[in-house]
Amino acid sequence: MKRFFYILFFLTIGLNALAQRQMVRNLTTFDDKRLHFGFTLALNALDFNIDHYPTIDENPKFDPSKLDVIDGVSIDGNRQIRADISSLTPGFTVGIVTNLRMTEYLDLRFLPGMSFGERKLVYNIPVEDVNSGDTDFYSIKSTFLDFPLLVKYKSKRMNNQRPYLIGGVAYRIDISKTGQEDLVRLKPFSSSVEVGVGWDSYLQFFRLSTELKFSFGLSDILDSGPKETQPQVYTNALSKLTSNMFIFSFHFE
């Protein structure tokens, strides 16, 4: 029993010391700055929201006189062709933080940067690409210039921690190389709405913000089909594509 009280006594002293150390507030004037800057390192995962034609002959661009032959089978207009993302592939994002203080609890943030990622489309028919041959999926690699403009709503600071919500819009330009021979071609410009949650940690020399954000595409990025040397069915099956992105960020400010 005495040993138990000794353990409890020293544990109480330790917790009190830890609590006192946690009560030391770092960067006490940081949130008073009208304007400050930083940089972002993030992981991302790209996704598509895909709309299909019920059958490919409902696509106005479908030409019944030119049927694609996939894996030795002629694909007629009554076929239901479906595409999906096989799995989310990790990508990378780097950026710059520009933060404007509007009120005690509201900030306006501009976070220009670059994102690198990949999406793998799988179909319910074999994928035949004249460039890479027969594959299980069609890979679409993207390099984005990101231009998000977001509003950050912060809670009251709790010692050296501060949770927040964030939301706004983003404009992206895909600068990756695309060509007429691509099975599925994408438009370079897209817009999206973004929402997320985060947590500010005030360290001794800088503020670290950990953030999870979701970007939902607003604009259709599906471009016209490939040139005639490629099968048209992989594009003809799609009526609309929007680009989604999941981003897990670390902001250093």
Protein backbone atom coordinates (compact mmCIF):
# COMPACT_ATOMS: atom_id res chain seq x y z
CA MET A 1 0.00 0.00 0.00
CA LYS A 2 2.84 2.40 0.83
CA ARG A 3 4.38 1.66 -2.55
CA PHE A 4 1.10 2.60 -4.20
CA PHE A 5 1.01 5.96 -2.40
CA TYR A 6 4.64 6.65 -3.32
CA ILE A 7 3.85 5.96 -6.97
CA LEU A 8 0.74 8.15 -6.80
CA PHE A 9 2.71 10.94 -5.11
CA PHE A 10 5.49 11.02 -7.69
CA LEU A 11 3.01 10.67 -10.55
CA THR A 12 1.08 13.69 -9.24
CA ILE A 13 4.26 15.73 -9.01
CA GLY A 14 5.19 14.74 -12.55
CA LEU A 15 1.79 15.64 -13.94
CA ASN A 16 1.87 19.00 -12.16
CA ALA A 17 5.28 19.74 -13.62
CA LEU A 18 4.09 18.76 -17.07
CA ALA A 19 0.98 20.90 -16.73
CA GLN A 20 3.09 23.90 -15.70
CA ARG A 21 5.36 23.36 -18.67
CA GLN A 22 2.37 23.14 -21.04
CA MET A 23 1.03 26.41 -19.68
CA VAL A 24 4.01 28.29 -21.16
CA ARG A 25 2.47 30.00 -24.18
CA ASN A 26 4.53 30.16 -27.34
CA LEU A 27 4.28 32.86 -30.01
CA THR A 28 1.89 34.96 -27.97
CA THR A 29 1.73 37.77 -30.56
CA PHE A 30 1.68 35.55 -33.64
CA ASP A 31 -2.07 35.92 -34.29
CA ASP A 32 -1.84 39.71 -34.04
CA LYS A 33 0.10 39.94 -37.31
CA ARG A 34 -1.91 41.51 -40.11
CA LEU A 35 -0.03 39.51 -42.75
CA HIS A 36 2.30 36.54 -42.51
CA PHE A 37 3.78 33.89 -44.80
CA GLY A 38 4.89 30.28 -44.73
CA PHE A 39 5.15 27.14 -46.80
CA THR A 40 3.22 23.88 -47.21
CA LEU A 41 4.21 20.24 -47.62
CA ALA A 42 1.35 17.84 -48.28
CA LEU A 43 0.27 14.41 -49.41
CA ASN A 44 -2.60 14.17 -51.87
CA ALA A 45 -4.78 11.59 -53.58
CA LEU A 46 -6.53 12.38 -56.87
CA ASP A 47 -9.93 10.99 -57.76
CA PHE A 48 -12.63 11.33 -60.41
CA ASN A 49 -16.36 11.73 -60.13
CA ILE A 50 -17.50 9.85 -63.25
CA ASP A 51 -20.83 10.10 -65.11
CA HIS A 52 -21.53 7.48 -67.79
CA TYR A 53 -23.88 7.22 -70.71
CA PRO A 54 -26.36 4.36 -70.08
CA THR A 55 -25.17 2.82 -73.36
CA ILE A 56 -22.50 4.24 -75.64
CA ASP A 57 -24.94 4.83 -78.53
CA GLU A 58 -26.56 7.59 -76.42
CA ASN A 59 -23.38 9.61 -76.83
CA PRO A 60 -24.00 12.00 -79.79
CA LYS A 61 -20.39 11.44 -80.87
CA PHE A 62 -20.83 7.68 -81.22
CA ASP A 63 -20.47 6.54 -84.84
CA PRO A 64 -22.20 3.16 -85.46
CA SER A 65 -20.27 2.75 -88.72
CA LYS A 66 -16.95 2.68 -86.86
CA LEU A 67 -17.10 0.10 -84.09
CA ASP A 68 -14.08 -0.55 -81.90
CA VAL A 69 -12.82 -4.11 -81.62
CA ILE A 70 -11.54 -4.81 -78.11
CA ASP A 71 -9.96 -8.16 -77.28
CA GLY A 72 -11.39 -9.57 -80.49
CA VAL A 73 -14.97 -8.45 -79.71
CA SER A 74 -16.78 -5.70 -81.61
CA ILE A 75 -18.23 -3.11 -79.20
CA ASP A 76 -21.69 -2.13 -80.46
CA GLY A 77 -23.82 0.76 -79.29
CA ASN A 78 -25.89 -1.33 -76.83
CA ARG A 79 -22.92 -2.07 -74.60
CA GLN A 80 -22.78 -0.59 -71.11
CA ILE A 81 -19.17 0.49 -70.56
CA ARG A 82 -18.23 1.53 -67.05
CA ALA A 83 -15.05 3.09 -65.66
CA ASP A 84 -13.86 3.59 -62.09
CA ILE A 85 -10.74 4.48 -60.11
CA SER A 86 -8.93 1.25 -59.21
CA SER A 87 -7.34 2.69 -56.05
CA LEU A 88 -6.18 6.04 -54.74
CA THR A 89 -2.52 6.68 -55.53
CA PRO A 90 -0.52 8.94 -53.16
CA GLY A 91 0.81 12.17 -54.63
CA PHE A 92 2.72 15.21 -53.40
CA THR A 93 1.95 18.91 -53.00
CA VAL A 94 4.20 21.89 -52.23
CA GLY A 95 3.03 25.44 -51.80
CA ILE A 96 3.34 28.91 -50.29
CA VAL A 97 1.14 30.29 -47.51
CA THR A 98 -0.09 33.89 -47.56
CA ASN A 99 -2.34 34.61 -44.57
CA LEU A 100 -4.31 37.83 -44.05
CA ARG A 101 -5.87 38.41 -40.61
CA MET A 102 -9.43 39.76 -40.97
CA THR A 103 -10.78 39.38 -37.43
CA GLU A 104 -9.79 37.59 -34.25
CA TYR A 105 -11.34 34.37 -35.54
CA LEU A 106 -11.23 34.77 -39.33
CA ASP A 107 -8.29 34.66 -41.76
CA LEU A 108 -8.14 34.87 -45.54
CA ARG A 109 -5.59 32.45 -46.99
CA PHE A 110 -4.06 32.23 -50.47
CA LEU A 111 -2.12 28.98 -50.96
CA PRO A 112 -0.56 28.79 -54.45
CA GLY A 113 1.43 25.65 -55.16
CA MET A 114 2.04 22.60 -57.31
CA SER A 115 0.49 19.15 -57.01
CA PHE A 116 1.73 15.93 -58.57
CA GLY A 117 -0.54 12.90 -58.76
CA GLU A 118 -1.91 9.98 -60.73
CA ARG A 119 -5.29 8.37 -61.38
CA LYS A 120 -5.74 4.82 -62.66
CA LEU A 121 -8.93 4.16 -64.60
CA VAL A 122 -10.20 0.58 -64.84
CA TYR A 123 -12.99 -0.48 -67.20
CA ASN A 124 -15.35 -3.43 -67.38
CA ILE A 125 -13.68 -4.28 -70.70
CA PRO A 126 -9.95 -4.81 -71.35
CA VAL A 127 -7.88 -1.65 -71.86
CA GLU A 128 -6.09 -1.56 -75.23
CA ASP A 129 -3.77 1.37 -75.79
CA VAL A 130 -1.71 1.63 -78.98
CA ASN A 131 1.04 3.34 -76.97
CA SER A 132 1.39 0.85 -74.12
CA GLY A 133 -0.45 -2.24 -75.39
CA ASP A 134 -2.93 -4.21 -73.28
CA THR A 135 -3.07 -3.13 -69.63
CA ASP A 136 -5.30 -3.63 -66.60
CA PHE A 137 -5.87 0.11 -66.23
CA TYR A 138 -5.30 3.43 -67.96
CA SER A 139 -2.98 5.75 -66.06
CA ILE A 140 -3.56 9.53 -66.11
CA LYS A 141 -0.72 11.54 -64.55
CA SER A 142 -1.30 15.19 -63.68
CA THR A 143 0.80 18.14 -62.58
CA PHE A 144 -1.34 20.98 -61.29
CA LEU A 145 -0.70 24.63 -60.64
CA ASP A 146 -2.97 25.27 -57.64
CA PHE A 147 -4.58 28.60 -56.76
CA PRO A 148 -6.82 28.12 -53.67
CA LEU A 149 -8.44 31.08 -51.93
CA LEU A 150 -9.81 30.01 -48.53
CA VAL A 151 -11.41 31.42 -45.39
CA LYS A 152 -10.13 30.03 -42.09
CA TYR A 153 -12.44 30.07 -39.07
CA LYS A 154 -10.49 29.56 -35.83
CA SER A 155 -11.66 28.61 -32.37
CA LYS A 156 -10.40 30.34 -29.26
CA ARG A 157 -6.76 29.48 -28.57
CA MET A 158 -6.30 26.78 -25.93
CA ASN A 159 -2.81 27.12 -24.50
CA ASN A 160 -0.67 26.26 -27.56
CA GLN A 161 -3.42 24.57 -29.59
CA ARG A 162 -6.17 25.93 -31.81
CA PRO A 163 -8.55 23.89 -34.01
CA TYR A 164 -10.10 25.46 -37.08
CA LEU A 165 -12.38 24.99 -40.08
CA ILE A 166 -11.46 26.05 -43.59
CA GLY A 167 -13.38 26.47 -46.84
CA GLY A 168 -13.29 28.26 -50.16
CA VAL A 169 -12.64 27.79 -53.87
CA ALA A 170 -9.66 26.72 -55.97
CA TYR A 171 -8.62 27.12 -59.58
CA ARG A 172 -6.21 24.59 -61.11
CA ILE A 173 -4.22 24.33 -64.32
CA ASP A 174 -2.96 20.91 -65.41
CA ILE A 175 0.40 21.51 -67.10
CA SER A 176 1.22 17.83 -67.67
CA LYS A 177 1.83 16.81 -71.27
CA THR A 178 -1.27 15.53 -73.07
CA GLY A 179 -1.78 14.55 -76.68
CA GLN A 180 -4.37 13.45 -79.19
CA GLU A 181 -3.23 9.85 -78.77
CA ASP A 182 -4.37 9.69 -75.13
CA LEU A 183 -7.27 7.28 -74.55
CA VAL A 184 -8.97 9.77 -72.21
CA ARG A 185 -8.08 13.42 -72.69
CA LEU A 186 -8.58 16.06 -70.00
CA LYS A 187 -9.07 19.80 -70.24
CA PRO A 188 -6.25 21.71 -68.53
CA PHE A 189 -8.44 24.13 -66.53
CA SER A 190 -10.68 23.21 -63.60
CA SER A 191 -12.41 24.80 -60.63
CA SER A 192 -13.43 23.29 -57.32
CA VAL A 193 -14.87 24.00 -53.89
CA GLU A 194 -12.76 23.06 -50.87
CA VAL A 195 -13.61 22.30 -47.24
CA GLY A 196 -11.53 20.94 -44.40
CA VAL A 197 -10.50 20.87 -40.77
CA GLY A 198 -7.18 21.57 -39.13
CA TRP A 199 -5.23 22.01 -35.93
CA ASP A 200 -2.77 24.81 -35.15
CA SER A 201 0.14 23.99 -32.82
CA TYR A 202 2.17 26.94 -31.56
CA LEU A 203 5.75 25.77 -31.19
CA GLN A 204 8.70 27.73 -29.87
CA PHE A 205 9.80 29.24 -33.18
CA PHE A 206 6.94 28.65 -35.63
CA ARG A 207 3.33 27.54 -35.93
CA LEU A 208 2.65 24.08 -37.35
CA SER A 209 -0.80 23.49 -38.80
CA THR A 210 -1.99 19.97 -39.59
CA GLU A 211 -4.90 20.00 -42.02
CA LEU A 212 -7.18 17.57 -43.86
CA LYS A 213 -8.94 19.10 -46.84
CA PHE A 214 -11.34 17.83 -49.50
CA SER A 215 -11.53 19.41 -52.96
CA PHE A 216 -14.66 18.73 -55.03
CA GLY A 217 -14.56 19.55 -58.75
CA LEU A 218 -17.20 21.86 -60.21
CA SER A 219 -16.29 21.89 -63.91
CA ASP A 220 -16.37 19.11 -66.49
CA ILE A 221 -12.79 18.33 -67.52
CA LEU A 222 -13.55 15.63 -70.11
CA ASP A 223 -12.08 16.65 -73.46
CA SER A 224 -12.83 15.26 -76.92
CA GLY A 225 -11.80 11.72 -77.77
CA PRO A 226 -8.40 10.59 -79.10
CA LYS A 227 -7.40 10.46 -82.75
CA GLU A 228 -8.72 7.58 -84.82
CA THR A 229 -5.67 5.37 -84.33
CA GLN A 230 -6.93 4.79 -80.76
CA PRO A 231 -10.18 3.10 -79.66
CA GLN A 232 -12.92 5.67 -79.05
CA VAL A 233 -15.02 3.57 -76.69
CA TYR A 234 -13.11 4.54 -73.52
CA THR A 235 -14.08 8.18 -74.00
CA ASN A 236 -17.48 7.56 -75.63
CA ALA A 237 -18.66 5.76 -72.49
CA LEU A 238 -18.16 8.89 -70.35
CA SER A 239 -20.55 11.83 -70.26
CA LYS A 240 -18.78 13.90 -67.60
CA LEU A 241 -15.61 13.90 -65.48
CA THR A 242 -14.91 16.12 -62.51
CA SER A 243 -11.68 16.14 -60.57
CA ASN A 244 -11.60 15.51 -56.82
CA MET A 245 -8.63 15.70 -54.48
CA PHE A 246 -7.93 14.74 -50.88
CA ILE A 247 -5.07 16.68 -49.27
CA PHE A 248 -3.30 16.12 -45.95
CA SER A 249 -1.15 19.19 -45.32
CA PHE A 250 1.51 20.48 -42.98
CA HIS A 251 1.70 24.30 -42.95
CA PHE A 252 4.85 25.88 -41.50
CA GLU A 253 4.25 29.53 -40.64
